[in-house]
N, C-alpha and C. Protein backbone atom coordinates (compact mmCIF):
# COMPACT_ATOMS: atom_id res chain seq x y z
N UNK A 1 45.28 -87.50 269.98
CA UNK A 1 44.63 -86.85 268.84
C UNK A 1 43.77 -85.70 269.37
N UNK A 2 43.99 -84.53 268.81
CA UNK A 2 43.28 -83.35 269.30
C UNK A 2 41.93 -83.20 268.66
N UNK A 3 41.12 -82.38 269.25
CA UNK A 3 39.81 -82.09 268.68
C UNK A 3 39.63 -80.59 268.62
N UNK A 4 38.71 -80.14 267.76
CA UNK A 4 38.49 -78.71 267.57
C UNK A 4 37.08 -78.40 268.03
N UNK A 5 36.97 -77.48 268.94
CA UNK A 5 35.67 -77.06 269.45
C UNK A 5 35.54 -75.58 269.23
N UNK A 6 34.59 -75.19 268.39
CA UNK A 6 34.45 -73.77 268.06
C UNK A 6 33.78 -73.03 269.19
N UNK A 7 34.30 -71.81 269.42
CA UNK A 7 33.66 -70.92 270.38
C UNK A 7 33.79 -71.35 271.82
N UNK A 8 34.69 -72.29 272.17
CA UNK A 8 34.83 -72.72 273.55
C UNK A 8 36.22 -72.38 274.05
N UNK A 9 36.31 -72.22 275.32
CA UNK A 9 37.61 -71.97 275.94
C UNK A 9 38.26 -73.29 276.28
N UNK A 10 39.57 -73.40 275.97
CA UNK A 10 40.34 -74.54 276.39
C UNK A 10 41.52 -74.03 277.18
N UNK A 11 42.13 -74.91 277.90
CA UNK A 11 43.20 -74.52 278.82
C UNK A 11 44.53 -74.95 278.26
N UNK A 12 45.54 -74.07 278.27
CA UNK A 12 46.91 -74.41 277.96
C UNK A 12 47.56 -75.01 279.20
N UNK A 13 48.76 -75.49 278.97
CA UNK A 13 49.52 -75.94 280.13
C UNK A 13 49.85 -74.74 281.00
N UNK A 14 49.70 -74.87 282.24
CA UNK A 14 49.94 -73.77 283.17
C UNK A 14 48.68 -73.04 283.56
N UNK A 15 47.52 -73.47 283.00
CA UNK A 15 46.27 -72.88 283.43
C UNK A 15 45.83 -71.68 282.62
N UNK A 16 46.61 -71.29 281.58
CA UNK A 16 46.23 -70.13 280.77
C UNK A 16 45.12 -70.54 279.81
N UNK A 17 44.10 -69.72 279.73
CA UNK A 17 42.96 -70.06 278.88
C UNK A 17 43.27 -69.72 277.42
N UNK A 18 42.73 -70.49 276.51
CA UNK A 18 42.92 -70.30 275.07
C UNK A 18 41.55 -70.27 274.41
N UNK A 19 41.23 -69.15 273.74
CA UNK A 19 39.94 -69.00 273.07
C UNK A 19 40.09 -69.41 271.60
N UNK A 20 39.32 -70.36 271.14
CA UNK A 20 39.35 -70.83 269.76
C UNK A 20 38.05 -70.43 269.09
N UNK A 21 38.19 -69.76 267.94
CA UNK A 21 37.00 -69.30 267.23
C UNK A 21 36.90 -70.03 265.89
N UNK A 22 35.72 -70.33 265.49
CA UNK A 22 35.50 -70.94 264.18
C UNK A 22 35.71 -69.90 263.09
N UNK A 23 36.03 -70.38 261.89
CA UNK A 23 36.20 -69.47 260.76
C UNK A 23 34.89 -68.74 260.52
N UNK A 24 34.95 -67.41 260.41
CA UNK A 24 33.69 -66.67 260.29
C UNK A 24 32.99 -66.86 258.96
N UNK A 25 33.74 -67.23 257.85
CA UNK A 25 33.11 -67.41 256.54
C UNK A 25 32.85 -66.08 255.88
N UNK A 26 32.26 -66.12 254.70
CA UNK A 26 32.00 -64.88 253.96
C UNK A 26 30.92 -64.05 254.65
N UNK A 27 31.03 -62.76 254.41
CA UNK A 27 30.02 -61.87 254.99
C UNK A 27 28.72 -61.99 254.21
N UNK A 28 27.64 -61.61 254.87
CA UNK A 28 26.32 -61.76 254.24
C UNK A 28 26.04 -60.65 253.22
N UNK A 29 26.74 -59.53 253.33
CA UNK A 29 26.46 -58.41 252.42
C UNK A 29 27.48 -58.37 251.28
N UNK A 30 27.78 -59.56 250.70
CA UNK A 30 28.72 -59.62 249.58
C UNK A 30 28.12 -58.93 248.35
N UNK A 31 29.01 -58.35 247.51
CA UNK A 31 28.57 -57.70 246.28
C UNK A 31 29.74 -57.65 245.30
N UNK A 32 29.43 -57.41 244.04
CA UNK A 32 30.45 -57.31 242.99
C UNK A 32 31.26 -56.03 243.21
N UNK A 33 32.57 -56.18 243.22
CA UNK A 33 33.43 -55.01 243.50
C UNK A 33 33.89 -54.28 242.23
N UNK A 34 33.83 -54.94 241.05
CA UNK A 34 34.31 -54.32 239.81
C UNK A 34 33.27 -54.44 238.70
N UNK A 35 32.12 -53.86 238.84
CA UNK A 35 31.11 -53.97 237.77
C UNK A 35 31.54 -53.27 236.48
N UNK A 36 32.31 -52.19 236.61
CA UNK A 36 32.76 -51.47 235.41
C UNK A 36 33.68 -52.35 234.57
N UNK A 37 34.59 -53.07 235.23
CA UNK A 37 35.49 -53.97 234.50
C UNK A 37 34.71 -55.07 233.80
N UNK A 38 33.67 -55.58 234.43
CA UNK A 38 32.86 -56.62 233.79
C UNK A 38 32.18 -56.09 232.53
N UNK A 39 31.70 -54.86 232.59
CA UNK A 39 31.06 -54.26 231.41
C UNK A 39 32.07 -54.06 230.29
N UNK A 40 33.27 -53.55 230.65
CA UNK A 40 34.31 -53.33 229.65
C UNK A 40 34.73 -54.66 229.02
N UNK A 41 34.92 -55.69 229.83
CA UNK A 41 35.31 -57.00 229.31
C UNK A 41 34.24 -57.57 228.39
N UNK A 42 32.97 -57.40 228.76
CA UNK A 42 31.89 -57.88 227.91
C UNK A 42 31.86 -57.17 226.56
N UNK A 43 32.04 -55.83 226.57
CA UNK A 43 32.06 -55.08 225.32
C UNK A 43 33.25 -55.48 224.45
N UNK A 44 34.40 -55.69 225.08
CA UNK A 44 35.59 -56.12 224.34
C UNK A 44 35.36 -57.48 223.69
N UNK A 45 34.75 -58.41 224.41
CA UNK A 45 34.48 -59.74 223.86
C UNK A 45 33.52 -59.66 222.68
N UNK A 46 32.50 -58.80 222.78
CA UNK A 46 31.54 -58.65 221.69
C UNK A 46 32.23 -58.05 220.45
N UNK A 47 33.08 -57.03 220.66
CA UNK A 47 33.79 -56.42 219.53
C UNK A 47 34.74 -57.41 218.87
N UNK A 48 35.47 -58.17 219.68
CA UNK A 48 36.40 -59.15 219.13
C UNK A 48 35.68 -60.22 218.33
N UNK A 49 34.56 -60.70 218.86
CA UNK A 49 33.78 -61.70 218.13
C UNK A 49 33.22 -61.15 216.83
N UNK A 50 32.80 -59.87 216.84
CA UNK A 50 32.26 -59.26 215.62
C UNK A 50 33.34 -59.12 214.56
N UNK A 51 34.55 -58.74 214.97
CA UNK A 51 35.65 -58.60 214.02
C UNK A 51 36.01 -59.95 213.41
N UNK A 52 36.09 -60.98 214.25
CA UNK A 52 36.41 -62.32 213.74
C UNK A 52 35.34 -62.80 212.77
N UNK A 53 34.08 -62.56 213.07
CA UNK A 53 33.00 -62.96 212.17
C UNK A 53 33.09 -62.21 210.86
N UNK A 54 33.40 -60.90 210.92
CA UNK A 54 33.50 -60.10 209.70
C UNK A 54 34.66 -60.56 208.82
N UNK A 55 35.80 -60.85 209.44
CA UNK A 55 36.97 -61.31 208.68
C UNK A 55 36.67 -62.65 208.00
N UNK A 56 36.03 -63.55 208.74
CA UNK A 56 35.72 -64.86 208.16
C UNK A 56 34.67 -64.76 207.05
N UNK A 57 33.76 -63.78 207.15
CA UNK A 57 32.68 -63.65 206.17
C UNK A 57 33.14 -62.92 204.91
N UNK A 58 33.94 -61.87 205.08
CA UNK A 58 34.35 -61.05 203.94
C UNK A 58 35.67 -61.55 203.34
N UNK A 59 36.64 -61.91 204.19
CA UNK A 59 37.96 -62.32 203.71
C UNK A 59 38.04 -63.81 203.43
N UNK A 60 39.27 -64.25 203.22
CA UNK A 60 39.54 -65.66 202.95
C UNK A 60 40.64 -66.11 203.91
N UNK A 61 40.25 -66.88 204.92
CA UNK A 61 41.21 -67.29 205.93
C UNK A 61 42.29 -68.21 205.37
N UNK A 62 42.08 -68.77 204.19
CA UNK A 62 43.10 -69.62 203.59
C UNK A 62 44.34 -68.83 203.19
N UNK A 63 44.19 -67.52 203.06
CA UNK A 63 45.33 -66.68 202.69
C UNK A 63 46.34 -66.57 203.82
N UNK A 64 45.93 -66.97 205.03
CA UNK A 64 46.86 -66.91 206.16
C UNK A 64 48.00 -67.91 205.97
N UNK A 65 47.68 -69.12 205.54
CA UNK A 65 48.71 -70.16 205.43
C UNK A 65 48.92 -70.61 203.99
N UNK A 66 48.52 -69.80 203.01
CA UNK A 66 48.77 -70.10 201.60
C UNK A 66 49.23 -68.81 200.91
N UNK A 67 50.36 -68.92 200.20
CA UNK A 67 50.83 -67.78 199.43
C UNK A 67 50.05 -67.62 198.13
N UNK A 68 50.21 -66.44 197.48
CA UNK A 68 49.51 -66.16 196.23
C UNK A 68 50.53 -65.87 195.13
N UNK A 69 50.12 -66.14 193.89
CA UNK A 69 50.96 -65.75 192.77
C UNK A 69 50.53 -64.37 192.28
N UNK A 70 51.15 -63.90 191.17
CA UNK A 70 50.87 -62.55 190.69
C UNK A 70 49.51 -62.44 190.00
N UNK A 71 48.80 -63.54 189.86
CA UNK A 71 47.44 -63.51 189.34
C UNK A 71 46.39 -63.61 190.45
N UNK A 72 46.82 -63.76 191.68
CA UNK A 72 45.89 -63.87 192.80
C UNK A 72 45.50 -65.28 193.14
N UNK A 73 46.07 -66.29 192.46
CA UNK A 73 45.75 -67.69 192.77
C UNK A 73 46.43 -68.10 194.07
N UNK A 74 45.74 -68.88 194.88
CA UNK A 74 46.31 -69.41 196.11
C UNK A 74 47.10 -70.68 195.79
N UNK A 75 48.37 -70.69 196.14
CA UNK A 75 49.23 -71.83 195.83
C UNK A 75 48.80 -73.05 196.65
N UNK A 76 48.70 -74.19 195.98
CA UNK A 76 48.31 -75.43 196.63
C UNK A 76 46.82 -75.67 196.64
N UNK A 77 46.03 -74.75 196.07
CA UNK A 77 44.58 -74.89 196.06
C UNK A 77 44.05 -74.67 194.64
N UNK A 78 42.93 -75.31 194.34
CA UNK A 78 42.29 -75.10 193.05
C UNK A 78 43.17 -75.56 191.89
N UNK A 79 43.29 -74.67 190.87
CA UNK A 79 44.09 -75.04 189.71
C UNK A 79 45.59 -74.99 189.99
N UNK A 80 45.97 -74.60 191.20
CA UNK A 80 47.37 -74.59 191.60
C UNK A 80 47.65 -75.66 192.65
N UNK A 81 46.83 -76.71 192.67
CA UNK A 81 46.99 -77.75 193.69
C UNK A 81 48.31 -78.51 193.54
N UNK A 82 48.86 -78.53 192.32
CA UNK A 82 50.15 -79.22 192.12
C UNK A 82 51.34 -78.29 192.31
N UNK A 83 51.08 -77.05 192.69
CA UNK A 83 52.15 -76.08 192.98
C UNK A 83 51.90 -75.52 194.38
N UNK A 84 52.34 -76.20 195.42
CA UNK A 84 51.91 -75.87 196.78
C UNK A 84 52.60 -74.69 197.44
N UNK A 85 53.73 -74.21 196.92
CA UNK A 85 54.47 -73.14 197.60
C UNK A 85 54.57 -71.92 196.71
N UNK A 86 54.65 -70.75 197.34
CA UNK A 86 54.79 -69.48 196.62
C UNK A 86 56.25 -69.04 196.68
N UNK A 87 56.81 -68.78 195.50
CA UNK A 87 58.19 -68.31 195.39
C UNK A 87 58.16 -66.86 194.92
N UNK A 88 58.95 -66.02 195.58
CA UNK A 88 58.99 -64.59 195.26
C UNK A 88 60.34 -64.25 194.64
N UNK A 89 60.42 -64.16 193.30
CA UNK A 89 61.71 -64.03 192.64
C UNK A 89 62.35 -62.66 192.75
N UNK A 90 61.56 -61.61 192.96
CA UNK A 90 62.09 -60.25 193.03
C UNK A 90 61.68 -59.58 194.34
N UNK A 91 61.87 -60.30 195.43
CA UNK A 91 61.39 -59.82 196.73
C UNK A 91 62.09 -58.53 197.15
N UNK A 92 63.37 -58.41 196.84
CA UNK A 92 64.10 -57.20 197.24
C UNK A 92 63.55 -55.97 196.51
N UNK A 93 63.27 -56.10 195.22
CA UNK A 93 62.68 -55.00 194.47
C UNK A 93 61.28 -54.68 194.98
N UNK A 94 60.51 -55.72 195.26
CA UNK A 94 59.15 -55.51 195.77
C UNK A 94 59.18 -54.75 197.09
N UNK A 95 60.16 -55.07 197.94
CA UNK A 95 60.25 -54.39 199.24
C UNK A 95 60.64 -52.93 199.06
N UNK A 96 61.51 -52.64 198.08
CA UNK A 96 61.87 -51.25 197.83
C UNK A 96 60.67 -50.44 197.33
N UNK A 97 59.84 -51.05 196.50
CA UNK A 97 58.67 -50.36 195.97
C UNK A 97 57.53 -50.27 196.97
N UNK A 98 57.40 -51.28 197.82
CA UNK A 98 56.31 -51.32 198.80
C UNK A 98 56.80 -52.04 200.06
N UNK A 99 57.23 -51.30 201.09
CA UNK A 99 57.75 -51.95 202.30
C UNK A 99 56.75 -52.86 203.00
N UNK A 100 55.45 -52.69 202.74
CA UNK A 100 54.46 -53.58 203.36
C UNK A 100 54.38 -54.92 202.64
N UNK A 101 54.96 -55.02 201.43
CA UNK A 101 54.96 -56.25 200.63
C UNK A 101 53.55 -56.76 200.32
N UNK A 102 52.60 -55.84 200.24
CA UNK A 102 51.24 -56.25 199.89
C UNK A 102 51.12 -56.58 198.41
N UNK A 103 52.01 -56.03 197.59
CA UNK A 103 51.93 -56.24 196.15
C UNK A 103 53.19 -56.93 195.64
N UNK A 104 53.63 -57.94 196.34
CA UNK A 104 54.82 -58.68 195.91
C UNK A 104 54.49 -59.62 194.75
N UNK A 105 55.48 -59.87 193.94
CA UNK A 105 55.32 -60.70 192.74
C UNK A 105 55.60 -62.15 193.12
N UNK A 106 54.59 -63.00 193.03
CA UNK A 106 54.73 -64.38 193.45
C UNK A 106 54.52 -65.36 192.31
N UNK A 107 55.14 -66.52 192.45
CA UNK A 107 54.97 -67.62 191.50
C UNK A 107 54.69 -68.89 192.30
N UNK A 108 53.67 -69.62 191.95
CA UNK A 108 53.41 -70.90 192.58
C UNK A 108 54.37 -71.94 192.01
N UNK A 109 55.06 -72.64 192.88
CA UNK A 109 56.05 -73.63 192.45
C UNK A 109 55.80 -74.97 193.14
N UNK A 110 56.39 -76.01 192.57
CA UNK A 110 56.24 -77.34 193.15
C UNK A 110 57.06 -77.50 194.43
N UNK A 111 58.15 -76.79 194.53
CA UNK A 111 58.99 -76.82 195.73
C UNK A 111 59.83 -75.54 195.75
N UNK A 112 60.38 -75.22 196.88
CA UNK A 112 61.24 -74.05 196.97
C UNK A 112 62.52 -74.32 196.19
N UNK A 113 62.88 -73.44 195.26
CA UNK A 113 64.04 -73.70 194.41
C UNK A 113 65.35 -73.57 195.16
N UNK A 114 66.33 -74.32 194.72
CA UNK A 114 67.68 -74.18 195.26
C UNK A 114 68.36 -72.96 194.63
N UNK A 115 69.35 -72.47 195.32
CA UNK A 115 70.08 -71.32 194.82
C UNK A 115 70.71 -71.63 193.46
N UNK A 116 70.52 -70.71 192.52
CA UNK A 116 71.11 -70.88 191.20
C UNK A 116 70.25 -71.60 190.20
N UNK A 117 69.09 -72.10 190.62
CA UNK A 117 68.20 -72.80 189.68
C UNK A 117 67.23 -71.81 189.04
N UNK A 118 66.66 -72.21 187.91
CA UNK A 118 65.72 -71.39 187.18
C UNK A 118 64.29 -71.85 187.46
N UNK A 119 63.40 -70.89 187.65
CA UNK A 119 61.99 -71.18 187.92
C UNK A 119 61.18 -70.63 186.76
N UNK A 120 60.37 -71.47 186.14
CA UNK A 120 59.53 -71.06 185.01
C UNK A 120 58.34 -70.25 185.50
N UNK A 121 58.10 -69.12 184.82
CA UNK A 121 56.89 -68.34 185.07
C UNK A 121 55.79 -68.85 184.16
N UNK A 122 54.58 -68.35 184.29
CA UNK A 122 53.45 -68.87 183.52
C UNK A 122 52.42 -67.77 183.35
N UNK A 123 51.38 -68.09 182.63
CA UNK A 123 50.30 -67.14 182.42
C UNK A 123 50.46 -66.33 181.14
N UNK A 124 49.54 -65.39 180.94
CA UNK A 124 49.52 -64.59 179.72
C UNK A 124 50.45 -63.40 179.76
N UNK A 125 50.74 -62.88 180.96
CA UNK A 125 51.55 -61.66 181.04
C UNK A 125 52.61 -61.74 182.14
N UNK A 126 53.51 -62.72 182.09
CA UNK A 126 54.60 -62.75 183.08
C UNK A 126 55.62 -61.67 182.78
N UNK A 127 56.30 -61.21 183.81
CA UNK A 127 57.34 -60.20 183.60
C UNK A 127 58.50 -60.78 182.80
N UNK A 128 58.82 -62.03 183.01
CA UNK A 128 59.80 -62.74 182.20
C UNK A 128 59.50 -64.23 182.28
N UNK A 129 60.04 -64.98 181.34
CA UNK A 129 59.70 -66.40 181.24
C UNK A 129 60.33 -67.25 182.33
N UNK A 130 61.52 -66.89 182.76
CA UNK A 130 62.22 -67.64 183.80
C UNK A 130 62.83 -66.68 184.80
N UNK A 131 62.96 -67.19 186.04
CA UNK A 131 63.56 -66.41 187.11
C UNK A 131 64.68 -67.21 187.75
N UNK A 132 65.74 -66.52 188.07
CA UNK A 132 66.87 -67.16 188.73
C UNK A 132 66.72 -67.03 190.24
N UNK A 133 66.83 -68.14 190.95
CA UNK A 133 66.78 -68.11 192.42
C UNK A 133 68.14 -67.64 192.94
N UNK A 134 68.16 -66.43 193.48
CA UNK A 134 69.43 -65.84 193.93
C UNK A 134 69.82 -66.28 195.33
N UNK A 135 68.87 -66.78 196.11
CA UNK A 135 69.15 -67.21 197.48
C UNK A 135 68.47 -68.55 197.74
N UNK A 136 69.02 -69.34 198.63
CA UNK A 136 68.30 -70.55 199.06
C UNK A 136 67.09 -70.16 199.89
N UNK A 137 66.12 -71.03 199.99
CA UNK A 137 64.90 -70.74 200.75
C UNK A 137 64.34 -72.02 201.34
N UNK A 138 63.47 -71.87 202.31
CA UNK A 138 62.80 -73.01 202.94
C UNK A 138 61.30 -72.72 203.03
N UNK A 139 60.45 -73.76 202.98
CA UNK A 139 59.00 -73.53 203.00
C UNK A 139 58.50 -73.23 204.41
N UNK A 140 57.61 -72.24 204.50
CA UNK A 140 56.95 -71.88 205.76
C UNK A 140 55.57 -71.33 205.41
N UNK A 141 54.51 -72.01 205.90
CA UNK A 141 53.13 -71.63 205.59
C UNK A 141 52.94 -71.51 204.07
N UNK A 142 53.44 -72.48 203.33
CA UNK A 142 53.30 -72.54 201.88
C UNK A 142 53.94 -71.34 201.19
N UNK A 143 54.99 -70.79 201.79
CA UNK A 143 55.75 -69.70 201.19
C UNK A 143 57.24 -70.02 201.29
N UNK A 144 57.98 -69.67 200.26
CA UNK A 144 59.43 -69.87 200.27
C UNK A 144 60.10 -68.67 200.93
N UNK A 145 60.72 -68.92 202.08
CA UNK A 145 61.36 -67.85 202.85
C UNK A 145 62.86 -67.88 202.54
N UNK A 146 63.41 -66.83 201.93
CA UNK A 146 64.84 -66.83 201.61
C UNK A 146 65.69 -66.60 202.86
N UNK A 147 66.92 -67.07 202.80
CA UNK A 147 67.86 -66.85 203.90
C UNK A 147 69.26 -66.68 203.33
N UNK A 148 70.12 -66.07 204.12
CA UNK A 148 71.49 -65.83 203.69
C UNK A 148 72.32 -67.09 203.87
N UNK A 149 73.00 -67.48 202.82
CA UNK A 149 73.87 -68.64 202.89
C UNK A 149 75.30 -68.20 203.18
N UNK A 150 76.06 -69.10 203.77
CA UNK A 150 77.46 -68.79 204.03
C UNK A 150 78.15 -68.42 202.73
N UNK A 151 78.81 -67.27 202.69
CA UNK A 151 79.39 -66.82 201.42
C UNK A 151 80.48 -67.75 200.91
N UNK A 152 80.59 -67.79 199.60
CA UNK A 152 81.62 -68.61 198.96
C UNK A 152 82.99 -68.00 199.23
N UNK A 153 83.96 -68.84 199.56
CA UNK A 153 85.29 -68.36 199.92
C UNK A 153 86.19 -68.12 198.71
N UNK A 154 85.73 -68.52 197.52
CA UNK A 154 86.58 -68.34 196.36
C UNK A 154 86.56 -66.89 195.89
N UNK A 155 87.66 -66.47 195.31
CA UNK A 155 87.74 -65.12 194.76
C UNK A 155 87.56 -65.09 193.26
N UNK A 156 87.23 -66.22 192.65
CA UNK A 156 87.06 -66.30 191.21
C UNK A 156 85.70 -65.76 190.79
N UNK A 157 85.67 -64.98 189.72
CA UNK A 157 84.42 -64.46 189.21
C UNK A 157 83.64 -65.57 188.54
N UNK A 158 82.35 -65.69 188.90
CA UNK A 158 81.48 -66.72 188.34
C UNK A 158 80.26 -66.07 187.71
N UNK A 159 79.69 -66.73 186.73
CA UNK A 159 78.47 -66.25 186.07
C UNK A 159 77.31 -67.17 186.46
N UNK A 160 76.20 -66.57 186.92
CA UNK A 160 75.07 -67.37 187.38
C UNK A 160 74.01 -67.57 186.30
N UNK A 161 73.91 -66.63 185.38
CA UNK A 161 72.85 -66.72 184.36
C UNK A 161 73.41 -66.32 183.01
N UNK A 162 73.32 -67.15 182.00
CA UNK A 162 72.69 -68.49 182.01
C UNK A 162 73.51 -69.49 182.82
N UNK A 163 72.86 -70.55 183.23
CA UNK A 163 73.50 -71.52 184.12
C UNK A 163 74.60 -72.28 183.38
N UNK A 164 75.50 -72.86 184.18
CA UNK A 164 76.58 -73.67 183.63
C UNK A 164 76.01 -74.94 182.98
N UNK A 165 76.59 -75.32 181.87
CA UNK A 165 76.15 -76.52 181.14
C UNK A 165 77.34 -77.46 181.01
N UNK A 166 77.56 -78.32 182.00
CA UNK A 166 78.73 -79.20 181.96
C UNK A 166 78.65 -80.20 180.82
N UNK A 167 79.77 -80.58 180.25
CA UNK A 167 79.76 -81.59 179.18
C UNK A 167 79.55 -82.98 179.75
N UNK A 168 79.51 -83.96 178.90
CA UNK A 168 79.42 -85.35 179.34
C UNK A 168 80.66 -85.71 180.16
N UNK A 169 80.51 -86.63 181.13
CA UNK A 169 81.66 -86.97 181.98
C UNK A 169 82.89 -87.42 181.20
N UNK A 170 82.69 -88.02 180.04
CA UNK A 170 83.82 -88.52 179.26
C UNK A 170 84.42 -87.47 178.33
N UNK A 171 83.77 -86.30 178.22
CA UNK A 171 84.23 -85.27 177.29
C UNK A 171 84.89 -84.12 178.05
N UNK A 172 85.74 -83.39 177.36
CA UNK A 172 86.40 -82.22 177.90
C UNK A 172 85.56 -80.97 177.59
N UNK A 173 85.57 -79.96 178.46
CA UNK A 173 84.85 -78.72 178.16
C UNK A 173 85.39 -78.06 176.89
N UNK A 174 84.48 -77.59 176.06
CA UNK A 174 84.87 -76.93 174.81
C UNK A 174 84.55 -75.45 174.81
N UNK A 175 83.72 -74.98 175.75
CA UNK A 175 83.38 -73.56 175.86
C UNK A 175 83.50 -73.14 177.32
N UNK A 176 83.70 -71.84 177.59
CA UNK A 176 83.79 -71.38 178.99
C UNK A 176 82.55 -71.72 179.81
N UNK A 177 81.37 -71.76 179.17
CA UNK A 177 80.13 -72.03 179.91
C UNK A 177 80.05 -73.47 180.40
N UNK A 178 80.96 -74.32 179.94
CA UNK A 178 80.98 -75.71 180.39
C UNK A 178 81.94 -75.94 181.55
N UNK A 179 82.66 -74.91 181.98
CA UNK A 179 83.59 -75.03 183.10
C UNK A 179 82.87 -74.53 184.36
N UNK A 180 82.41 -75.47 185.16
CA UNK A 180 81.55 -75.14 186.31
C UNK A 180 82.35 -75.05 187.60
N UNK A 181 81.67 -74.53 188.65
CA UNK A 181 82.27 -74.47 189.97
C UNK A 181 82.20 -75.80 190.69
N UNK A 182 82.07 -75.73 192.03
CA UNK A 182 82.14 -76.93 192.86
C UNK A 182 80.78 -77.31 193.40
N UNK A 183 80.56 -78.61 193.55
CA UNK A 183 79.32 -79.10 194.13
C UNK A 183 79.27 -78.81 195.62
N UNK A 184 80.40 -78.87 196.31
CA UNK A 184 80.42 -78.78 197.77
C UNK A 184 79.96 -77.42 198.29
N UNK A 185 80.14 -76.35 197.50
CA UNK A 185 79.69 -75.03 197.96
C UNK A 185 78.57 -74.46 197.11
N UNK A 186 78.00 -75.28 196.22
CA UNK A 186 76.86 -74.85 195.41
C UNK A 186 77.19 -74.02 194.20
N UNK A 187 78.49 -73.86 193.86
CA UNK A 187 78.86 -73.07 192.69
C UNK A 187 78.91 -73.90 191.41
N UNK A 188 78.49 -75.16 191.48
CA UNK A 188 78.52 -76.00 190.28
C UNK A 188 77.49 -75.58 189.24
N UNK A 189 76.55 -74.70 189.61
CA UNK A 189 75.60 -74.18 188.63
C UNK A 189 76.13 -72.94 187.92
N UNK A 190 77.26 -72.41 188.41
CA UNK A 190 77.85 -71.22 187.82
C UNK A 190 79.08 -71.61 186.99
N UNK A 191 79.43 -70.78 186.02
CA UNK A 191 80.61 -71.06 185.22
C UNK A 191 81.63 -69.94 185.37
N UNK A 192 82.87 -70.28 185.13
CA UNK A 192 83.99 -69.40 185.44
C UNK A 192 84.17 -68.33 184.36
N UNK A 193 84.40 -67.11 184.84
CA UNK A 193 84.67 -66.00 183.93
C UNK A 193 86.16 -65.66 183.86
N UNK A 194 86.97 -66.31 184.66
CA UNK A 194 88.41 -66.04 184.68
C UNK A 194 89.13 -67.29 185.16
N UNK A 195 90.44 -67.18 185.23
CA UNK A 195 91.24 -68.30 185.71
C UNK A 195 90.87 -68.63 187.16
N UNK A 196 90.70 -69.92 187.49
CA UNK A 196 90.28 -70.27 188.86
C UNK A 196 91.41 -70.05 189.86
N UNK A 197 91.02 -69.74 191.10
CA UNK A 197 92.01 -69.62 192.16
C UNK A 197 92.24 -70.99 192.79
N UNK A 198 93.08 -71.03 193.82
CA UNK A 198 93.46 -72.32 194.40
C UNK A 198 92.31 -73.04 195.06
N UNK A 199 91.30 -72.30 195.59
CA UNK A 199 90.19 -72.97 196.27
C UNK A 199 89.39 -73.82 195.29
N UNK A 200 89.20 -73.35 194.07
CA UNK A 200 88.47 -74.15 193.09
C UNK A 200 89.37 -75.24 192.52
N UNK A 201 90.64 -74.94 192.31
CA UNK A 201 91.54 -75.96 191.79
C UNK A 201 91.66 -77.14 192.75
N UNK A 202 91.70 -76.84 194.06
CA UNK A 202 91.75 -77.92 195.05
C UNK A 202 90.47 -78.75 195.02
N UNK A 203 89.33 -78.11 194.80
CA UNK A 203 88.05 -78.82 194.74
C UNK A 203 87.96 -79.73 193.53
N UNK A 204 88.59 -79.34 192.44
CA UNK A 204 88.59 -80.22 191.26
C UNK A 204 89.43 -81.46 191.48
């Protein structure tokens, strides 16, 4: 087992001397090398803290994870506690009018509607009483986010609004609006405007 002796000479094999020095350690005249960076970092931290305090004091942090309706109500809170998600029925039009989407038309709903379903509007001045959900959507931060669904493979013309009204299971359809599409591809809410093609006939 070897030993370490600082500042002493030891001998290698063959008589050659070996000088071993102890670690010198830090110098006595140490000083801060980046005082300017410390000042800049301190000023940045103060500015960031001031901005966060101002946002929390003036704004409403609940708007980050809660959507709003066209009256300014936060969905899922207050008198909209039973309507937790915000549905945007005319999002494409809103984006054309305002690409920032700061003034989008929202409706608080109980859940994100399925494609082809009708969503009731409310209040004293709605743009219309009901809205048709043109795309499927999923909830994210109390907002219904639409997404593109796999397109229907049928070539038959279908009508989405008003929705299809199927007859009783034991009765035959008596009007075109009672002849619906297929459940498997979500066209069962639509009714046929022309003779069905083979894809719908096979589904029946």
